[in-house]
Amino acid sequence: MGDDNFEHLERLVAELDARGLLARVVRTQSGRTFVRVINPSATSLSENVTCRSAAVSDMRDWWYCWSWGERMHTADDPAGAATKVARVLAAVGE
């Protein structure tokens, strides 16, 4: 995947950090990139978020995806995606 993928992931990291979650972009030896997110108040609550492109009409559209591959949120709204991730990773009583 190209630089667009990395830039989308970096924007998501900034939004997740602003919500108090620990997040960083991970690049595997194979070149796969994803955001590793951990709730520092409950470290067993974690998620890996990828960013993938999908052809829509004549344009490419980028999506944040859950670790199991399901589309979560459009990549042009990292704040909205971060809100969803924060909601899923919230500990009971947070």
PDB file of N, CA and C in Angstrom:
ATOM      1  N   MET A   1       0.842  -1.173   0.000  1.00  0.00           N
ATOM      2  CA  MET A   1       0.000   0.000   0.000  1.00  0.00           C
ATOM      3  C   MET A   1       0.885   1.233   0.000  1.00  0.00           C
ATOM      4  N   GLY A   2       0.374   2.293  -0.501  1.00  0.00           N
ATOM      5  CA  GLY A   2       1.188   3.481  -0.685  1.00  0.00           C
ATOM      6  C   GLY A   2       1.193   4.414   0.506  1.00  0.00           C
ATOM      7  N   ASP A   3       1.753   5.590   0.270  1.00  0.00           N
ATOM      8  CA  ASP A   3       1.875   6.595   1.326  1.00  0.00           C
ATOM      9  C   ASP A   3       0.525   7.068   1.829  1.00  0.00           C
ATOM     10  N   ASP A   4      -0.506   7.052   0.975  1.00  0.00           N
ATOM     11  CA  ASP A   4      -1.844   7.462   1.410  1.00  0.00           C
ATOM     12  C   ASP A   4      -2.277   6.643   2.618  1.00  0.00           C
ATOM     13  N   ASN A   5      -2.024   5.347   2.566  1.00  0.00           N
ATOM     14  CA  ASN A   5      -2.366   4.448   3.654  1.00  0.00           C
ATOM     15  C   ASN A   5      -1.685   4.906   4.943  1.00  0.00           C
ATOM     16  N   PHE A   6      -0.386   5.178   4.896  1.00  0.00           N
ATOM     17  CA  PHE A   6       0.373   5.587   6.073  1.00  0.00           C
ATOM     18  C   PHE A   6      -0.135   6.923   6.610  1.00  0.00           C
ATOM     19  N   GLU A   7      -0.406   7.873   5.735  1.00  0.00           N
ATOM     20  CA  GLU A   7      -0.901   9.178   6.170  1.00  0.00           C
ATOM     21  C   GLU A   7      -2.254   9.063   6.864  1.00  0.00           C
ATOM     22  N   HIS A   8      -3.134   8.223   6.336  1.00  0.00           N
ATOM     23  CA  HIS A   8      -4.432   8.009   6.986  1.00  0.00           C
ATOM     24  C   HIS A   8      -4.236   7.397   8.375  1.00  0.00           C
ATOM     25  N   LEU A   9      -3.323   6.450   8.477  1.00  0.00           N
ATOM     26  CA  LEU A   9      -3.066   5.813   9.765  1.00  0.00           C
ATOM     27  C   LEU A   9      -2.477   6.800  10.768  1.00  0.00           C
ATOM     28  N   GLU A  10      -1.577   7.661  10.317  1.00  0.00           N
ATOM     29  CA  GLU A  10      -0.984   8.672  11.208  1.00  0.00           C
ATOM     30  C   GLU A  10      -2.048   9.637  11.730  1.00  0.00           C
ATOM     31  N   ARG A  11      -2.989  10.030  10.876  1.00  0.00           N
ATOM     32  CA  ARG A  11      -4.066  10.923  11.318  1.00  0.00           C
ATOM     33  C   ARG A  11      -4.949  10.232  12.366  1.00  0.00           C
ATOM     34  N   LEU A  12      -5.179   8.932  12.167  1.00  0.00           N
ATOM     35  CA  LEU A  12      -5.967   8.182  13.149  1.00  0.00           C
ATOM     36  C   LEU A  12      -5.235   8.105  14.482  1.00  0.00           C
ATOM     37  N   VAL A  13      -3.925   7.886  14.461  1.00  0.00           N
ATOM     38  CA  VAL A  13      -3.132   7.837  15.695  1.00  0.00           C
ATOM     39  C   VAL A  13      -3.282   9.139  16.482  1.00  0.00           C
ATOM     40  N   ALA A  14      -3.208  10.264  15.798  1.00  0.00           N
ATOM     41  CA  ALA A  14      -3.345  11.561  16.476  1.00  0.00           C
ATOM     42  C   ALA A  14      -4.702  11.680  17.158  1.00  0.00           C
ATOM     43  N   GLU A  15      -5.752  11.244  16.493  1.00  0.00           N
ATOM     44  CA  GLU A  15      -7.099  11.316  17.077  1.00  0.00           C
ATOM     45  C   GLU A  15      -7.260  10.357  18.251  1.00  0.00           C
ATOM     46  N   LEU A  16      -6.677   9.181  18.150  1.00  0.00           N
ATOM     47  CA  LEU A  16      -6.756   8.214  19.242  1.00  0.00           C
ATOM     48  C   LEU A  16      -5.980   8.711  20.459  1.00  0.00           C
ATOM     49  N   ASP A  17      -4.800   9.284  20.210  1.00  0.00           N
ATOM     50  CA  ASP A  17      -4.006   9.858  21.300  1.00  0.00           C
ATOM     51  C   ASP A  17      -4.791  10.941  22.029  1.00  0.00           C
ATOM     52  N   ALA A  18      -5.519  11.767  21.283  1.00  0.00           N
ATOM     53  CA  ALA A  18      -6.305  12.849  21.872  1.00  0.00           C
ATOM     54  C   ALA A  18      -7.421  12.311  22.777  1.00  0.00           C
ATOM     55  N   ARG A  19      -7.800  11.057  22.556  1.00  0.00           N
ATOM     56  CA  ARG A  19      -8.846  10.439  23.375  1.00  0.00           C
ATOM     57  C   ARG A  19      -8.254   9.606  24.516  1.00  0.00           C
ATOM     58  N   GLY A  20      -6.957   9.705  24.729  1.00  0.00           N
ATOM     59  CA  GLY A  20      -6.315   9.016  25.846  1.00  0.00           C
ATOM     60  C   GLY A  20      -5.938   7.572  25.597  1.00  0.00           C
ATOM     61  N   LEU A  21      -6.040   7.130  24.351  1.00  0.00           N
ATOM     62  CA  LEU A  21      -5.650   5.762  24.026  1.00  0.00           C
ATOM     63  C   LEU A  21      -4.196   5.740  23.573  1.00  0.00           C
ATOM     64  N   LEU A  22      -3.526   4.626  23.768  1.00  0.00           N
ATOM     65  CA  LEU A  22      -2.164   4.449  23.272  1.00  0.00           C
ATOM     66  C   LEU A  22      -2.262   3.898  21.857  1.00  0.00           C
ATOM     67  N   ALA A  23      -1.656   4.578  20.909  1.00  0.00           N
ATOM     68  CA  ALA A  23      -1.760   4.155  19.512  1.00  0.00           C
ATOM     69  C   ALA A  23      -0.453   4.430  18.789  1.00  0.00           C
ATOM     70  N   ARG A  24      -0.108   3.528  17.874  1.00  0.00           N
ATOM     71  CA  ARG A  24       1.069   3.743  17.039  1.00  0.00           C
ATOM     72  C   ARG A  24       0.906   2.965  15.744  1.00  0.00           C
ATOM     73  N   VAL A  25       1.548   3.470  14.710  1.00  0.00           N
ATOM     74  CA  VAL A  25       1.548   2.761  13.434  1.00  0.00           C
ATOM     75  C   VAL A  25       2.619   1.683  13.496  1.00  0.00           C
ATOM     76  N   VAL A  26       2.235   0.481  13.113  1.00  0.00           N
ATOM     77  CA  VAL A  26       3.149  -0.656  13.067  1.00  0.00           C
ATOM     78  C   VAL A  26       3.317  -1.057  11.608  1.00  0.00           C
ATOM     79  N   ARG A  27       4.577  -1.272  11.218  1.00  0.00           N
ATOM     80  CA  ARG A  27       4.857  -1.774   9.868  1.00  0.00           C
ATOM     81  C   ARG A  27       5.565  -3.121  10.025  1.00  0.00           C
ATOM     82  N   THR A  28       4.954  -4.175   9.526  1.00  0.00           N
ATOM     83  CA  THR A  28       5.544  -5.508   9.640  1.00  0.00           C
ATOM     84  C   THR A  28       6.666  -5.667   8.618  1.00  0.00           C
ATOM     85  N   GLN A  29       7.453  -6.726   8.767  1.00  0.00           N
ATOM     86  CA  GLN A  29       8.535  -6.994   7.818  1.00  0.00           C
ATOM     87  C   GLN A  29       8.005  -7.204   6.409  1.00  0.00           C
ATOM     88  N   SER A  30       6.783  -7.695   6.299  1.00  0.00           N
ATOM     89  CA  SER A  30       6.181  -7.913   4.982  1.00  0.00           C
ATOM     90  C   SER A  30       5.682  -6.611   4.355  1.00  0.00           C
ATOM     91  N   GLY A  31       5.709  -5.514   5.135  1.00  0.00           N
ATOM     92  CA  GLY A  31       5.270  -4.225   4.613  1.00  0.00           C
ATOM     93  C   GLY A  31       3.853  -3.854   4.988  1.00  0.00           C
ATOM     94  N   ARG A  32       3.129  -4.770   5.618  1.00  0.00           N
ATOM     95  CA  ARG A  32       1.754  -4.489   6.048  1.00  0.00           C
ATOM     96  C   ARG A  32       1.792  -3.445   7.155  1.00  0.00           C
ATOM     97  N   THR A  33       0.889  -2.475   7.101  1.00  0.00           N
ATOM     98  CA  THR A  33       0.822  -1.448   8.135  1.00  0.00           C
ATOM     99  C   THR A  33      -0.552  -1.452   8.791  1.00  0.00           C
ATOM    100  N   PHE A  34      -0.558  -1.124  10.069  1.00  0.00           N
ATOM    101  CA  PHE A  34      -1.804  -1.022  10.817  1.00  0.00           C
ATOM    102  C   PHE A  34      -1.548  -0.172  12.053  1.00  0.00           C
ATOM    103  N   VAL A  35      -2.634   0.262  12.687  1.00  0.00           N
ATOM    104  CA  VAL A  35      -2.532   0.994  13.945  1.00  0.00           C
ATOM    105  C   VAL A  35      -2.846   0.024  15.072  1.00  0.00           C
ATOM    106  N   ARG A  36      -1.938  -0.081  16.022  1.00  0.00           N
ATOM    107  CA  ARG A  36      -2.143  -0.876  17.229  1.00  0.00           C
ATOM    108  C   ARG A  36      -2.666   0.089  18.290  1.00  0.00           C
ATOM    109  N   VAL A  37      -3.847  -0.205  18.836  1.00  0.00           N
ATOM    110  CA  VAL A  37      -4.497   0.673  19.813  1.00  0.00           C
ATOM    111  C   VAL A  37      -4.704  -0.103  21.107  1.00  0.00           C
ATOM    112  N   ILE A  38      -4.348   0.532  22.225  1.00  0.00           N
ATOM    113  CA  ILE A  38      -4.512  -0.087  23.539  1.00  0.00           C
ATOM    114  C   ILE A  38      -5.153   0.933  24.480  1.00  0.00           C
ATOM    115  N   ASN A  39      -6.092   0.459  25.291  1.00  0.00           N
ATOM    116  CA  ASN A  39      -6.661   1.287  26.348  1.00  0.00           C
ATOM    117  C   ASN A  39      -5.708   1.196  27.537  1.00  0.00           C
ATOM    118  N   PRO A  40      -5.024   2.297  27.911  1.00  0.00           N
ATOM    119  CA  PRO A  40      -4.054   2.216  29.002  1.00  0.00           C
ATOM    120  C   PRO A  40      -4.684   1.929  30.371  1.00  0.00           C
ATOM    121  N   SER A  41      -5.983   2.134  30.497  1.00  0.00           N
ATOM    122  CA  SER A  41      -6.681   1.842  31.753  1.00  0.00           C
ATOM    123  C   SER A  41      -7.063   0.371  31.872  1.00  0.00           C
ATOM    124  N   ALA A  42      -7.047  -0.329  30.742  1.00  0.00           N
ATOM    125  CA  ALA A  42      -7.387  -1.755  30.698  1.00  0.00           C
ATOM    126  C   ALA A  42      -6.632  -2.353  29.515  1.00  0.00           C
ATOM    127  N   THR A  43      -5.362  -2.694  29.750  1.00  0.00           N
ATOM    128  CA  THR A  43      -4.483  -3.060  28.631  1.00  0.00           C
ATOM    129  C   THR A  43      -4.910  -4.324  27.880  1.00  0.00           C
ATOM    130  N   SER A  44      -5.818  -5.095  28.442  1.00  0.00           N
ATOM    131  CA  SER A  44      -6.329  -6.254  27.697  1.00  0.00           C
ATOM    132  C   SER A  44      -7.285  -5.821  26.586  1.00  0.00           C
ATOM    133  N   LEU A  45      -7.737  -4.559  26.640  1.00  0.00           N
ATOM    134  CA  LEU A  45      -8.616  -4.023  25.592  1.00  0.00           C
ATOM    135  C   LEU A  45      -7.746  -3.390  24.515  1.00  0.00           C
ATOM    136  N   SER A  46      -7.673  -4.050  23.376  1.00  0.00           N
ATOM    137  CA  SER A  46      -6.827  -3.562  22.282  1.00  0.00           C
ATOM    138  C   SER A  46      -7.450  -3.915  20.940  1.00  0.00           C
ATOM    139  N   GLU A  47      -6.963  -3.269  19.906  1.00  0.00           N
ATOM    140  CA  GLU A  47      -7.472  -3.493  18.550  1.00  0.00           C
ATOM    141  C   GLU A  47      -6.384  -3.107  17.559  1.00  0.00           C
ATOM    142  N   ASN A  48      -6.380  -3.767  16.420  1.00  0.00           N
ATOM    143  CA  ASN A  48      -5.532  -3.394  15.292  1.00  0.00           C
ATOM    144  C   ASN A  48      -6.438  -2.860  14.189  1.00  0.00           C
ATOM    145  N   VAL A  49      -6.159  -1.657  13.725  1.00  0.00           N
ATOM    146  CA  VAL A  49      -6.972  -1.020  12.689  1.00  0.00           C
ATOM    147  C   VAL A  49      -6.130  -0.874  11.431  1.00  0.00           C
ATOM    148  N   THR A  50      -6.666  -1.321  10.304  1.00  0.00           N
ATOM    149  CA  THR A  50      -5.992  -1.161   9.025  1.00  0.00           C
ATOM    150  C   THR A  50      -6.671  -0.056   8.219  1.00  0.00           C
ATOM    151  N   CYS A  51      -6.073   0.305   7.115  1.00  0.00           N
ATOM    152  CA  CYS A  51      -6.669   1.267   6.194  1.00  0.00           C
ATOM    153  C   CYS A  51      -6.522   0.699   4.793  1.00  0.00           C
ATOM    154  N   ARG A  52      -7.629   0.576   4.104  1.00  0.00           N
ATOM    155  CA  ARG A  52      -7.634  -0.044   2.771  1.00  0.00           C
ATOM    156  C   ARG A  52      -8.365   0.846   1.779  1.00  0.00           C
ATOM    157  N   SER A  53      -7.941   0.722   0.544  1.00  0.00           N
ATOM    158  CA  SER A  53      -8.630   1.478  -0.499  1.00  0.00           C
ATOM    159  C   SER A  53      -9.638   0.568  -1.196  1.00  0.00           C
ATOM    160  N   ALA A  54     -10.681   1.190  -1.679  1.00  0.00           N
ATOM    161  CA  ALA A  54     -11.711   0.488  -2.436  1.00  0.00           C
ATOM    162  C   ALA A  54     -12.085   1.356  -3.620  1.00  0.00           C
ATOM    163  N   ALA A  55     -12.173   0.747  -4.781  1.00  0.00           N
ATOM    164  CA  ALA A  55     -12.560   1.494  -5.970  1.00  0.00           C
ATOM    165  C   ALA A  55     -14.051   1.804  -5.895  1.00  0.00           C
ATOM    166  N   VAL A  56     -14.379   3.077  -5.991  1.00  0.00           N
ATOM    167  CA  VAL A  56     -15.765   3.523  -6.024  1.00  0.00           C
ATOM    168  C   VAL A  56     -15.887   4.400  -7.259  1.00  0.00           C
ATOM    169  N   SER A  57     -16.665   3.949  -8.220  1.00  0.00           N
ATOM    170  CA  SER A  57     -16.769   4.636  -9.511  1.00  0.00           C
ATOM    171  C   SER A  57     -15.372   4.735 -10.116  1.00  0.00           C
ATOM    172  N   ASP A  58     -14.945   5.936 -10.466  1.00  0.00           N
ATOM    173  CA  ASP A  58     -13.629   6.142 -11.051  1.00  0.00           C
ATOM    174  C   ASP A  58     -12.606   6.581 -10.016  1.00  0.00           C
ATOM    175  N   MET A  59     -13.021   6.640  -8.755  1.00  0.00           N
ATOM    176  CA  MET A  59     -12.142   7.152  -7.708  1.00  0.00           C
ATOM    177  C   MET A  59     -11.816   6.052  -6.712  1.00  0.00           C
ATOM    178  N   ARG A  60     -10.742   6.266  -5.965  1.00  0.00           N
ATOM    179  CA  ARG A  60     -10.385   5.364  -4.878  1.00  0.00           C
ATOM    180  C   ARG A  60     -10.861   5.987  -3.576  1.00  0.00           C
ATOM    181  N   ASP A  61     -11.470   5.191  -2.763  1.00  0.00           N
ATOM    182  CA  ASP A  61     -12.004   5.624  -1.485  1.00  0.00           C
ATOM    183  C   ASP A  61     -11.278   4.823  -0.403  1.00  0.00           C
ATOM    184  N   TRP A  62     -10.797   5.487   0.633  1.00  0.00           N
ATOM    185  CA  TRP A  62     -10.050   4.826   1.709  1.00  0.00           C
ATOM    186  C   TRP A  62     -10.950   4.589   2.906  1.00  0.00           C
ATOM    187  N   TRP A  63     -10.769   3.427   3.544  1.00  0.00           N
ATOM    188  CA  TRP A  63     -11.578   3.022   4.680  1.00  0.00           C
ATOM    189  C   TRP A  63     -10.696   2.517   5.817  1.00  0.00           C
ATOM    190  N   TYR A  64     -11.046   2.883   7.044  1.00  0.00           N
ATOM    191  CA  TYR A  64     -10.463   2.229   8.212  1.00  0.00           C
ATOM    192  C   TYR A  64     -11.238   0.936   8.406  1.00  0.00           C
ATOM    193  N   CYS A  65     -10.511  -0.128   8.762  1.00  0.00           N
ATOM    194  CA  CYS A  65     -11.141  -1.437   8.925  1.00  0.00           C
ATOM    195  C   CYS A  65     -10.751  -2.058  10.254  1.00  0.00           C
ATOM    196  N   TRP A  66     -11.699  -2.791  10.846  1.00  0.00           N
ATOM    197  CA  TRP A  66     -11.432  -3.547  12.064  1.00  0.00           C
ATOM    198  C   TRP A  66     -10.450  -4.667  11.760  1.00  0.00           C
ATOM    199  N   SER A  67      -9.897  -5.278  12.784  1.00  0.00           N
ATOM    200  CA  SER A  67      -8.893  -6.335  12.613  1.00  0.00           C
ATOM    201  C   SER A  67      -9.434  -7.533  11.833  1.00  0.00           C
ATOM    202  N   TRP A  68     -10.722  -7.777  11.855  1.00  0.00           N
ATOM    203  CA  TRP A  68     -11.298  -8.904  11.125  1.00  0.00           C
ATOM    204  C   TRP A  68     -11.660  -8.533   9.682  1.00  0.00           C
ATOM    205  N   GLY A  69     -11.357  -7.294   9.265  1.00  0.00           N
ATOM    206  CA  GLY A  69     -11.524  -6.902   7.866  1.00  0.00           C
ATOM    207  C   GLY A  69     -12.769  -6.103   7.550  1.00  0.00           C
ATOM    208  N   GLU A  70     -13.698  -6.023   8.460  1.00  0.00           N
ATOM    209  CA  GLU A  70     -14.932  -5.266   8.215  1.00  0.00           C
ATOM    210  C   GLU A  70     -14.642  -3.764   8.183  1.00  0.00           C
ATOM    211  N   ARG A  71     -15.244  -3.081   7.214  1.00  0.00           N
ATOM    212  CA  ARG A  71     -15.101  -1.622   7.157  1.00  0.00           C
ATOM    213  C   ARG A  71     -15.707  -0.989   8.396  1.00  0.00           C
ATOM    214  N   MET A  72     -14.959  -0.015   8.944  1.00  0.00           N
ATOM    215  CA  MET A  72     -15.415   0.669  10.152  1.00  0.00           C
ATOM    216  C   MET A  72     -15.900   2.078   9.841  1.00  0.00           C
ATOM    217  N   HIS A  73     -15.072   2.844   9.104  1.00  0.00           N
ATOM    218  CA  HIS A  73     -15.356   4.267   8.904  1.00  0.00           C
ATOM    219  C   HIS A  73     -14.513   4.776   7.733  1.00  0.00           C
ATOM    220  N   THR A  74     -15.009   5.789   7.046  1.00  0.00           N
ATOM    221  CA  THR A  74     -14.229   6.357   5.952  1.00  0.00           C
ATOM    222  C   THR A  74     -12.982   7.051   6.496  1.00  0.00           C
ATOM    223  N   ALA A  75     -11.897   6.948   5.758  1.00  0.00           N
ATOM    224  CA  ALA A  75     -10.612   7.493   6.212  1.00  0.00           C
ATOM    225  C   ALA A  75     -10.549   9.014   6.119  1.00  0.00           C
ATOM    226  N   ASP A  76     -11.517   9.636   5.458  1.00  0.00           N
ATOM    227  CA  ASP A  76     -11.508  11.104   5.401  1.00  0.00           C
ATOM    228  C   ASP A  76     -12.061  11.719   6.685  1.00  0.00           C
ATOM    229  N   ASP A  77     -12.439  10.881   7.655  1.00  0.00           N
ATOM    230  CA  ASP A  77     -12.940  11.346   8.953  1.00  0.00           C
ATOM    231  C   ASP A  77     -12.271  10.544  10.081  1.00  0.00           C
ATOM    232  N   PRO A  78     -10.968  10.789  10.334  1.00  0.00           N
ATOM    233  CA  PRO A  78     -10.290  10.030  11.383  1.00  0.00           C
ATOM    234  C   PRO A  78     -10.874  10.273  12.771  1.00  0.00           C
ATOM    235  N   ALA A  79     -11.447  11.443  13.013  1.00  0.00           N
ATOM    236  CA  ALA A  79     -12.064  11.716  14.315  1.00  0.00           C
ATOM    237  C   ALA A  79     -13.258  10.790  14.543  1.00  0.00           C
ATOM    238  N   GLY A  80     -14.061  10.598  13.536  1.00  0.00           N
ATOM    239  CA  GLY A  80     -15.210   9.696  13.650  1.00  0.00           C
ATOM    240  C   GLY A  80     -14.772   8.261  13.884  1.00  0.00           C
ATOM    241  N   ALA A  81     -13.714   7.841  13.185  1.00  0.00           N
ATOM    242  CA  ALA A  81     -13.189   6.486  13.372  1.00  0.00           C
ATOM    243  C   ALA A  81     -12.640   6.324  14.784  1.00  0.00           C
ATOM    244  N   ALA A  82     -11.916   7.330  15.274  1.00  0.00           N
ATOM    245  CA  ALA A  82     -11.343   7.258  16.620  1.00  0.00           C
ATOM    246  C   ALA A  82     -12.433   7.171  17.679  1.00  0.00           C
ATOM    247  N   THR A  83     -13.535   7.866  17.468  1.00  0.00           N
ATOM    248  CA  THR A  83     -14.658   7.795  18.402  1.00  0.00           C
ATOM    249  C   THR A  83     -15.205   6.376  18.474  1.00  0.00           C
ATOM    250  N   LYS A  84     -15.331   5.709  17.323  1.00  0.00           N
ATOM    251  CA  LYS A  84     -15.823   4.327  17.302  1.00  0.00           C
ATOM    252  C   LYS A  84     -14.862   3.397  18.028  1.00  0.00           C
ATOM    253  N   VAL A  85     -13.573   3.533  17.767  1.00  0.00           N
ATOM    254  CA  VAL A  85     -12.578   2.676  18.414  1.00  0.00           C
ATOM    255  C   VAL A  85     -12.589   2.917  19.922  1.00  0.00           C
ATOM    256  N   ALA A  86     -12.644   4.178  20.334  1.00  0.00           N
ATOM    257  CA  ALA A  86     -12.661   4.507  21.760  1.00  0.00           C
ATOM    258  C   ALA A  86     -13.881   3.892  22.446  1.00  0.00           C
ATOM    259  N   ARG A  87     -15.013   3.904  21.767  1.00  0.00           N
ATOM    260  CA  ARG A  87     -16.231   3.333  22.327  1.00  0.00           C
ATOM    261  C   ARG A  87     -16.074   1.818  22.527  1.00  0.00           C
ATOM    262  N   VAL A  88     -15.474   1.158  21.547  1.00  0.00           N
ATOM    263  CA  VAL A  88     -15.297  -0.301  21.622  1.00  0.00           C
ATOM    264  C   VAL A  88     -14.285  -0.669  22.702  1.00  0.00           C
ATOM    265  N   LEU A  89     -13.241   0.142  22.863  1.00  0.00           N
ATOM    266  CA  LEU A  89     -12.181  -0.187  23.813  1.00  0.00           C
ATOM    267  C   LEU A  89     -12.422   0.395  25.219  1.00  0.00           C
ATOM    268  N   ALA A  90     -13.555   1.026  25.445  1.00  0.00           N
ATOM    269  CA  ALA A  90     -13.837   1.621  26.756  1.00  0.00           C
ATOM    270  C   ALA A  90     -14.026   0.519  27.800  1.00  0.00           C
ATOM    271  N   ALA A  91     -13.375   0.702  28.934  1.00  0.00           N
ATOM    272  CA  ALA A  91     -13.565  -0.223  30.051  1.00  0.00           C
ATOM    273  C   ALA A  91     -14.885   0.083  30.732  1.00  0.00           C
ATOM    274  N   VAL A  92     -15.477  -0.897  31.355  1.00  0.00           N
ATOM    275  CA  VAL A  92     -16.725  -0.691  32.090  1.00  0.00           C
ATOM    276  C   VAL A  92     -16.497   0.375  33.148  1.00  0.00           C
ATOM    277  N   GLY A  93     -17.351   1.375  33.190  1.00  0.00           N
ATOM    278  CA  GLY A  93     -17.249   2.450  34.167  1.00  0.00           C
ATOM    279  C   GLY A  93     -16.448   3.644  33.693  1.00  0.00           C
ATOM    280  N   GLU A  94     -15.873   3.566  32.479  1.00  0.00           N
ATOM    281  CA  GLU A  94     -15.121   4.722  31.945  1.00  0.00           C
ATOM    282  C   GLU A  94     -16.069   5.763  31.426  1.00  0.00           C
TER     283      GLU A  94
END
